[in-house]
All heavy atoms as atom14 arrays in JSON, in Angstrom:
{
  "sequence": "RQAMVFQRPVMLRRSAFQNVRFALEVAGAADADRVARE",
  "atom14_mask": [
    [1, 1, 1, 1, 1, 1, 1, 1, 1, 1, 1, 0, 0, 0],
    [1, 1, 1, 1, 1, 1, 1, 1, 1, 0, 0, 0, 0, 0],
    [1, 1, 1, 1, 1, 0, 0, 0, 0, 0, 0, 0, 0, 0],
    [1, 1, 1, 1, 1, 1, 1, 1, 0, 0, 0, 0, 0, 0],
    [1, 1, 1, 1, 1, 1, 1, 0, 0, 0, 0, 0, 0, 0],
    [1, 1, 1, 1, 1, 1, 1, 1, 1, 1, 1, 0, 0, 0],
    [1, 1, 1, 1, 1, 1, 1, 1, 1, 0, 0, 0, 0, 0],
    [1, 1, 1, 1, 1, 1, 1, 1, 1, 1, 1, 0, 0, 0],
    [1, 1, 1, 1, 1, 1, 1, 0, 0, 0, 0, 0, 0, 0],
    [1, 1, 1, 1, 1, 1, 1, 0, 0, 0, 0, 0, 0, 0],
    [1, 1, 1, 1, 1, 1, 1, 1, 0, 0, 0, 0, 0, 0],
    [1, 1, 1, 1, 1, 1, 1, 1, 0, 0, 0, 0, 0, 0],
    [1, 1, 1, 1, 1, 1, 1, 1, 1, 1, 1, 0, 0, 0],
    [1, 1, 1, 1, 1, 1, 1, 1, 1, 1, 1, 0, 0, 0],
    [1, 1, 1, 1, 1, 1, 0, 0, 0, 0, 0, 0, 0, 0],
    [1, 1, 1, 1, 1, 0, 0, 0, 0, 0, 0, 0, 0, 0],
    [1, 1, 1, 1, 1, 1, 1, 1, 1, 1, 1, 0, 0, 0],
    [1, 1, 1, 1, 1, 1, 1, 1, 1, 0, 0, 0, 0, 0],
    [1, 1, 1, 1, 1, 1, 1, 1, 0, 0, 0, 0, 0, 0],
    [1, 1, 1, 1, 1, 1, 1, 0, 0, 0, 0, 0, 0, 0],
    [1, 1, 1, 1, 1, 1, 1, 1, 1, 1, 1, 0, 0, 0],
    [1, 1, 1, 1, 1, 1, 1, 1, 1, 1, 1, 0, 0, 0],
    [1, 1, 1, 1, 1, 0, 0, 0, 0, 0, 0, 0, 0, 0],
    [1, 1, 1, 1, 1, 1, 1, 1, 0, 0, 0, 0, 0, 0],
    [1, 1, 1, 1, 1, 1, 1, 1, 1, 0, 0, 0, 0, 0],
    [1, 1, 1, 1, 1, 1, 1, 0, 0, 0, 0, 0, 0, 0],
    [1, 1, 1, 1, 1, 0, 0, 0, 0, 0, 0, 0, 0, 0],
    [1, 1, 1, 1, 0, 0, 0, 0, 0, 0, 0, 0, 0, 0],
    [1, 1, 1, 1, 1, 0, 0, 0, 0, 0, 0, 0, 0, 0],
    [1, 1, 1, 1, 1, 0, 0, 0, 0, 0, 0, 0, 0, 0],
    [1, 1, 1, 1, 1, 1, 1, 1, 0, 0, 0, 0, 0, 0],
    [1, 1, 1, 1, 1, 0, 0, 0, 0, 0, 0, 0, 0, 0],
    [1, 1, 1, 1, 1, 1, 1, 1, 0, 0, 0, 0, 0, 0],
    [1, 1, 1, 1, 1, 1, 1, 1, 1, 1, 1, 0, 0, 0],
    [1, 1, 1, 1, 1, 1, 1, 0, 0, 0, 0, 0, 0, 0],
    [1, 1, 1, 1, 1, 0, 0, 0, 0, 0, 0, 0, 0, 0],
    [1, 1, 1, 1, 1, 1, 1, 1, 1, 1, 1, 0, 0, 0],
    [1, 1, 1, 1, 1, 1, 1, 1, 1, 0, 0, 0, 0, 0]
  ],
  "atom14_positions": [
    [[0.3, -105.8, -55.85], [0.62, -106.2, -54.48], [2.09, -106.04, -54.14], [2.6, -106.62, -53.2], [0.17, -107.66, -54.28], [-1.35, -107.78, -54.38], [-1.79, -109.14, -54.85], [-1.6, -110.16, -53.84], [-1.84, -111.45, -54.05], [-2.29, -111.85, -55.23], [-1.64, -112.33, -53.09], [0.0, 0.0, 0.0], [0.0, 0.0, 0.0], [0.0, 0.0, 0.0]],
    [[2.79, -105.23, -54.92], [4.15, -104.86, -54.61], [4.34, -103.39, -54.92], [3.58, -102.78, -55.67], [5.15, -105.7, -55.42], [5.0, -105.55, -56.92], [6.26, -105.91, -57.66], [7.36, -105.62, -57.22], [6.11, -106.57, -58.81], [0.0, 0.0, 0.0], [0.0, 0.0, 0.0], [0.0, 0.0, 0.0], [0.0, 0.0, 0.0], [0.0, 0.0, 0.0]],
    [[5.36, -102.79, -54.34], [5.65, -101.38, -54.56], [7.15, -101.18, -54.51], [7.89, -102.01, -53.95], [4.94, -100.51, -53.51], [0.0, 0.0, 0.0], [0.0, 0.0, 0.0], [0.0, 0.0, 0.0], [0.0, 0.0, 0.0], [0.0, 0.0, 0.0], [0.0, 0.0, 0.0], [0.0, 0.0, 0.0], [0.0, 0.0, 0.0], [0.0, 0.0, 0.0]],
    [[7.61, -100.07, -55.09], [9.03, -99.76, -55.06], [9.23, -98.28, -54.79], [8.52, -97.43, -55.33], [9.7, -100.15, -56.38], [11.21, -99.97, -56.38], [11.99, -100.84, -57.78], [13.72, -100.45, -57.45], [0.0, 0.0, 0.0], [0.0, 0.0, 0.0], [0.0, 0.0, 0.0], [0.0, 0.0, 0.0], [0.0, 0.0, 0.0], [0.0, 0.0, 0.0]],
    [[10.21, -97.98, -53.95], [10.59, -96.6, -53.63], [12.05, -96.41, -54.03], [12.9, -97.22, -53.67], [10.39, -96.29, -52.14], [10.96, -94.92, -51.79], [8.91, -96.35, -51.78], [0.0, 0.0, 0.0], [0.0, 0.0, 0.0], [0.0, 0.0, 0.0], [0.0, 0.0, 0.0], [0.0, 0.0, 0.0], [0.0, 0.0, 0.0], [0.0, 0.0, 0.0]],
    [[12.32, -95.35, -54.78], [13.63, -95.12, -55.34], [14.45, -94.13, -54.51], [13.91, -93.42, -53.66], [13.5, -94.6, -56.78], [12.76, -95.53, -57.69], [11.38, -95.43, -57.83], [13.42, -96.52, -58.39], [10.68, -96.3, -58.66], [12.74, -97.39, -59.22], [11.36, -97.28, -59.35], [0.0, 0.0, 0.0], [0.0, 0.0, 0.0], [0.0, 0.0, 0.0]],
    [[15.72, -94.06, -54.82], [16.6, -93.12, -54.13], [16.14, -91.68, -54.35], [16.17, -90.86, -53.44], [18.04, -93.28, -54.62], [19.03, -92.33, -53.98], [20.45, -92.56, -54.47], [20.75, -93.6, -55.06], [21.31, -91.59, -54.25], [0.0, 0.0, 0.0], [0.0, 0.0, 0.0], [0.0, 0.0, 0.0], [0.0, 0.0, 0.0], [0.0, 0.0, 0.0]],
    [[15.7, -91.37, -55.56], [15.19, -90.04, -55.89], [13.73, -90.19, -56.35], [13.47, -90.41, -57.52], [16.04, -89.38, -56.99], [17.48, -89.13, -56.57], [18.28, -88.5, -57.7], [19.65, -88.25, -57.3], [20.63, -89.15, -57.37], [20.35, -90.36, -57.84], [21.86, -88.86, -57.0], [0.0, 0.0, 0.0], [0.0, 0.0, 0.0], [0.0, 0.0, 0.0]],
    [[12.8, -90.07, -55.43], [11.39, -90.3, -55.78], [10.85, -89.24, -56.71], [11.24, -88.07, -56.65], [10.68, -90.27, -54.42], [11.55, -89.41, -53.57], [12.96, -89.7, -54.01], [0.0, 0.0, 0.0], [0.0, 0.0, 0.0], [0.0, 0.0, 0.0], [0.0, 0.0, 0.0], [0.0, 0.0, 0.0], [0.0, 0.0, 0.0], [0.0, 0.0, 0.0]],
    [[9.95, -89.64, -57.59], [9.3, -88.71, -58.51], [8.08, -88.11, -57.82], [7.21, -88.84, -57.33], [8.88, -89.43, -59.8], [8.1, -88.48, -60.71], [10.1, -90.0, -60.51], [0.0, 0.0, 0.0], [0.0, 0.0, 0.0], [0.0, 0.0, 0.0], [0.0, 0.0, 0.0], [0.0, 0.0, 0.0], [0.0, 0.0, 0.0], [0.0, 0.0, 0.0]],
    [[8.03, -86.8, -57.79], [6.92, -86.1, -57.17], [6.06, -85.45, -58.25], [6.57, -84.75, -59.13], [7.43, -85.0, -56.22], [8.23, -85.5, -55.03], [7.21, -86.32, -53.76], [7.66, -88.04, -54.01], [0.0, 0.0, 0.0], [0.0, 0.0, 0.0], [0.0, 0.0, 0.0], [0.0, 0.0, 0.0], [0.0, 0.0, 0.0], [0.0, 0.0, 0.0]],
    [[4.75, -85.69, -58.19], [3.84, -85.04, -59.11], [3.68, -83.58, -58.74], [3.88, -83.17, -57.59], [2.47, -85.73, -59.07], [2.46, -87.22, -59.39], [1.05, -87.78, -59.22], [2.99, -87.5, -60.78], [0.0, 0.0, 0.0], [0.0, 0.0, 0.0], [0.0, 0.0, 0.0], [0.0, 0.0, 0.0], [0.0, 0.0, 0.0], [0.0, 0.0, 0.0]],
    [[3.28, -82.75, -59.71], [3.04, -81.32, -59.46], [1.7, -81.14, -58.77], [0.77, -80.53, -59.29], [3.07, -80.54, -60.78], [4.45, -80.5, -61.44], [4.42, -79.69, -62.72], [5.71, -79.67, -63.38], [6.69, -78.83, -63.09], [6.52, -77.92, -62.14], [7.83, -78.88, -63.75], [0.0, 0.0, 0.0], [0.0, 0.0, 0.0], [0.0, 0.0, 0.0]],
    [[1.61, -81.71, -57.58], [0.39, -81.67, -56.78], [0.79, -81.59, -55.31], [1.96, -81.67, -54.98], [-0.45, -82.93, -57.03], [-0.74, -83.21, -58.49], [-1.55, -84.45, -58.69], [-1.76, -84.75, -60.1], [-2.68, -85.53, -60.6], [-3.55, -86.13, -59.78], [-2.8, -85.75, -61.89], [0.0, 0.0, 0.0], [0.0, 0.0, 0.0], [0.0, 0.0, 0.0]],
    [[-0.2, -81.47, -54.47], [0.07, -81.46, -53.04], [0.51, -82.84, -52.57], [0.36, -83.84, -53.29], [-1.18, -81.04, -52.27], [-2.19, -82.05, -52.38], [0.0, 0.0, 0.0], [0.0, 0.0, 0.0], [0.0, 0.0, 0.0], [0.0, 0.0, 0.0], [0.0, 0.0, 0.0], [0.0, 0.0, 0.0], [0.0, 0.0, 0.0], [0.0, 0.0, 0.0]],
    [[1.05, -82.9, -51.37], [1.43, -84.19, -50.79], [0.22, -85.11, -50.75], [0.3, -86.29, -51.11], [2.01, -83.98, -49.4], [0.0, 0.0, 0.0], [0.0, 0.0, 0.0], [0.0, 0.0, 0.0], [0.0, 0.0, 0.0], [0.0, 0.0, 0.0], [0.0, 0.0, 0.0], [0.0, 0.0, 0.0], [0.0, 0.0, 0.0], [0.0, 0.0, 0.0]],
    [[-0.9, -84.6, -50.29], [-2.13, -85.4, -50.23], [-2.52, -85.93, -51.6], [-2.84, -87.11, -51.75], [-3.26, -84.56, -49.64], [-4.61, -85.22, -49.7], [-4.96, -86.16, -48.75], [-5.52, -84.9, -50.7], [-6.21, -86.79, -48.8], [-6.75, -85.51, -50.76], [-7.12, -86.45, -49.8], [0.0, 0.0, 0.0], [0.0, 0.0, 0.0], [0.0, 0.0, 0.0]],
    [[-2.49, -85.07, -52.62], [-2.9, -85.48, -53.95], [-1.92, -86.48, -54.57], [-2.3, -87.31, -55.39], [-3.08, -84.26, -54.86], [-4.3, -83.42, -54.53], [-5.6, -84.17, -54.71], [-5.68, -85.14, -55.45], [-6.66, -83.74, -54.01], [0.0, 0.0, 0.0], [0.0, 0.0, 0.0], [0.0, 0.0, 0.0], [0.0, 0.0, 0.0], [0.0, 0.0, 0.0]],
    [[-0.65, -86.42, -54.18], [0.3, -87.42, -54.64], [-0.11, -88.81, -54.17], [-0.07, -89.78, -54.93], [1.71, -87.09, -54.15], [2.54, -86.32, -55.17], [3.35, -86.89, -55.88], [2.3, -85.02, -55.22], [0.0, 0.0, 0.0], [0.0, 0.0, 0.0], [0.0, 0.0, 0.0], [0.0, 0.0, 0.0], [0.0, 0.0, 0.0], [0.0, 0.0, 0.0]],
    [[-0.5, -88.9, -52.91], [-0.92, -90.19, -52.37], [-2.26, -90.6, -52.97], [-2.47, -91.77, -53.37], [-1.01, -90.15, -50.84], [-1.45, -91.5, -50.29], [0.34, -89.76, -50.23], [0.0, 0.0, 0.0], [0.0, 0.0, 0.0], [0.0, 0.0, 0.0], [0.0, 0.0, 0.0], [0.0, 0.0, 0.0], [0.0, 0.0, 0.0], [0.0, 0.0, 0.0]],
    [[-3.17, -89.66, -53.05], [-4.51, -89.98, -53.58], [-4.43, -90.46, -55.02], [-5.16, -91.37, -55.42], [-5.43, -88.76, -53.48], [-6.9, -89.11, -53.66], [-7.79, -87.89, -53.63], [-9.19, -88.27, -53.53], [-9.9, -88.82, -54.52], [-9.33, -89.04, -55.7], [-11.17, -89.14, -54.34], [0.0, 0.0, 0.0], [0.0, 0.0, 0.0], [0.0, 0.0, 0.0]],
    [[-3.55, -89.85, -55.82], [-3.43, -90.26, -57.22], [-2.99, -91.71, -57.33], [-3.5, -92.47, -58.17], [-2.43, -89.35, -57.95], [-2.23, -89.71, -59.4], [-3.18, -89.38, -60.35], [-1.1, -90.4, -59.8], [-3.0, -89.71, -61.69], [-0.92, -90.75, -61.14], [-1.87, -90.41, -62.08], [0.0, 0.0, 0.0], [0.0, 0.0, 0.0], [0.0, 0.0, 0.0]],
    [[-2.04, -92.12, -56.49], [-1.6, -93.52, -56.5], [-2.76, -94.46, -56.19], [-2.89, -95.54, -56.79], [-0.48, -93.72, -55.48], [0.0, 0.0, 0.0], [0.0, 0.0, 0.0], [0.0, 0.0, 0.0], [0.0, 0.0, 0.0], [0.0, 0.0, 0.0], [0.0, 0.0, 0.0], [0.0, 0.0, 0.0], [0.0, 0.0, 0.0], [0.0, 0.0, 0.0]],
    [[-3.61, -94.05, -55.27], [-4.78, -94.86, -54.92], [-5.79, -94.9, -56.07], [-6.39, -95.95, -56.34], [-5.44, -94.3, -53.67], [-4.64, -94.51, -52.37], [-5.14, -93.57, -51.28], [-4.73, -95.96, -51.93], [0.0, 0.0, 0.0], [0.0, 0.0, 0.0], [0.0, 0.0, 0.0], [0.0, 0.0, 0.0], [0.0, 0.0, 0.0], [0.0, 0.0, 0.0]],
    [[-5.97, -93.77, -56.76], [-6.89, -93.74, -57.89], [-6.42, -94.68, -58.99], [-7.21, -95.43, -59.59], [-6.99, -92.31, -58.44], [-7.74, -91.35, -57.53], [-7.67, -89.91, -58.04], [-6.95, -89.68, -59.05], [-8.31, -89.03, -57.45], [0.0, 0.0, 0.0], [0.0, 0.0, 0.0], [0.0, 0.0, 0.0], [0.0, 0.0, 0.0], [0.0, 0.0, 0.0]],
    [[-5.12, -94.64, -59.29], [-4.57, -95.51, -60.33], [-4.78, -96.98, -59.97], [-5.07, -97.82, -60.83], [-3.07, -95.22, -60.54], [-2.43, -96.26, -61.44], [-2.89, -93.83, -61.14], [0.0, 0.0, 0.0], [0.0, 0.0, 0.0], [0.0, 0.0, 0.0], [0.0, 0.0, 0.0], [0.0, 0.0, 0.0], [0.0, 0.0, 0.0], [0.0, 0.0, 0.0]],
    [[-4.66, -97.29, -58.67], [-4.84, -98.67, -58.22], [-6.3, -99.07, -58.09], [-6.61, -100.23, -57.82], [-4.14, -98.85, -56.87], [0.0, 0.0, 0.0], [0.0, 0.0, 0.0], [0.0, 0.0, 0.0], [0.0, 0.0, 0.0], [0.0, 0.0, 0.0], [0.0, 0.0, 0.0], [0.0, 0.0, 0.0], [0.0, 0.0, 0.0], [0.0, 0.0, 0.0]],
    [[-7.21, -98.11, -58.27], [-8.63, -98.41, -58.16], [-9.08, -98.65, -56.73], [-10.05, -99.37, -56.49], [0.0, 0.0, 0.0], [0.0, 0.0, 0.0], [0.0, 0.0, 0.0], [0.0, 0.0, 0.0], [0.0, 0.0, 0.0], [0.0, 0.0, 0.0], [0.0, 0.0, 0.0], [0.0, 0.0, 0.0], [0.0, 0.0, 0.0], [0.0, 0.0, 0.0]],
    [[-8.38, -98.04, -55.78], [-8.7, -98.27, -54.36], [-9.96, -97.51, -53.96], [-10.27, -96.44, -54.48], [-7.53, -97.83, -53.49], [0.0, 0.0, 0.0], [0.0, 0.0, 0.0], [0.0, 0.0, 0.0], [0.0, 0.0, 0.0], [0.0, 0.0, 0.0], [0.0, 0.0, 0.0], [0.0, 0.0, 0.0], [0.0, 0.0, 0.0], [0.0, 0.0, 0.0]],
    [[-10.66, -98.08, -52.99], [-11.87, -97.43, -52.47], [-11.51, -96.47, -51.34], [-10.47, -96.63, -50.69], [-12.84, -98.5, -51.96], [0.0, 0.0, 0.0], [0.0, 0.0, 0.0], [0.0, 0.0, 0.0], [0.0, 0.0, 0.0], [0.0, 0.0, 0.0], [0.0, 0.0, 0.0], [0.0, 0.0, 0.0], [0.0, 0.0, 0.0], [0.0, 0.0, 0.0]],
    [[-12.38, -95.48, -51.13], [-12.21, -94.53, -50.02], [-10.84, -93.89, -50.04], [-10.12, -93.86, -49.03], [-12.46, -95.25, -48.69], [-12.9, -94.29, -47.59], [-13.02, -93.09, -47.88], [-13.1, -94.75, -46.46], [0.0, 0.0, 0.0], [0.0, 0.0, 0.0], [0.0, 0.0, 0.0], [0.0, 0.0, 0.0], [0.0, 0.0, 0.0], [0.0, 0.0, 0.0]],
    [[-10.45, -93.37, -51.21], [-9.1, -92.86, -51.41], [-8.75, -91.7, -50.47], [-7.61, -91.61, -49.99], [-8.91, -92.43, -52.86], [0.0, 0.0, 0.0], [0.0, 0.0, 0.0], [0.0, 0.0, 0.0], [0.0, 0.0, 0.0], [0.0, 0.0, 0.0], [0.0, 0.0, 0.0], [0.0, 0.0, 0.0], [0.0, 0.0, 0.0], [0.0, 0.0, 0.0]],
    [[-9.7, -90.81, -50.19], [-9.39, -89.67, -49.31], [-8.98, -90.14, -47.93], [-7.98, -89.68, -47.36], [-10.61, -88.75, -49.21], [-10.81, -87.91, -50.46], [-9.99, -88.03, -51.4], [-11.79, -87.14, -50.5], [0.0, 0.0, 0.0], [0.0, 0.0, 0.0], [0.0, 0.0, 0.0], [0.0, 0.0, 0.0], [0.0, 0.0, 0.0], [0.0, 0.0, 0.0]],
    [[-9.76, -91.04, -47.36], [-9.45, -91.52, -46.01], [-8.12, -92.26, -45.97], [-7.3, -92.02, -45.08], [-10.57, -92.45, -45.52], [-10.28, -93.05, -44.14], [-11.35, -94.07, -43.75], [-11.41, -95.2, -44.67], [-10.55, -96.22, -44.66], [-9.57, -96.27, -43.76], [-10.67, -97.2, -45.53], [0.0, 0.0, 0.0], [0.0, 0.0, 0.0], [0.0, 0.0, 0.0]],
    [[-7.9, -93.13, -46.92], [-6.67, -93.91, -46.93], [-5.45, -93.01, -47.13], [-4.41, -93.21, -46.51], [-6.73, -95.0, -48.03], [-5.41, -95.76, -48.1], [-7.88, -95.96, -47.74], [0.0, 0.0, 0.0], [0.0, 0.0, 0.0], [0.0, 0.0, 0.0], [0.0, 0.0, 0.0], [0.0, 0.0, 0.0], [0.0, 0.0, 0.0], [0.0, 0.0, 0.0]],
    [[-5.58, -92.0, -47.98], [-4.47, -91.06, -48.2], [-4.13, -90.32, -46.92], [-2.96, -90.14, -46.57], [-4.82, -90.09, -49.32], [0.0, 0.0, 0.0], [0.0, 0.0, 0.0], [0.0, 0.0, 0.0], [0.0, 0.0, 0.0], [0.0, 0.0, 0.0], [0.0, 0.0, 0.0], [0.0, 0.0, 0.0], [0.0, 0.0, 0.0], [0.0, 0.0, 0.0]],
    [[-5.15, -89.87, -46.19], [-4.91, -89.17, -44.92], [-4.23, -90.09, -43.92], [-3.3, -89.69, -43.2], [-6.22, -88.63, -44.35], [-6.79, -87.44, -45.11], [-7.91, -86.76, -44.32], [-9.06, -87.65, -44.15], [-10.08, -87.7, -44.99], [-10.1, -86.94, -46.07], [-11.1, -88.5, -44.77], [0.0, 0.0, 0.0], [0.0, 0.0, 0.0], [0.0, 0.0, 0.0]],
    [[-4.68, -91.34, -43.85], [-4.08, -92.29, -42.92], [-2.63, -92.58, -43.28], [-1.77, -92.69, -42.38], [-4.88, -93.6, -42.92], [-6.26, -93.46, -42.29], [-7.07, -94.74, -42.4], [-6.61, -95.68, -43.1], [-8.16, -94.8, -41.79], [0.0, 0.0, 0.0], [0.0, 0.0, 0.0], [0.0, 0.0, 0.0], [0.0, 0.0, 0.0], [0.0, 0.0, 0.0]]
  ]
}
């Protein structure tokens, strides 16, 4: 229930969409595709 953003963010070797979706997958979130797009 907390998050942190750094001065130099780490980007995965994936698309922008997949970067967001991966964070949701790790968190076990439902409907990851829709939430990532939003």
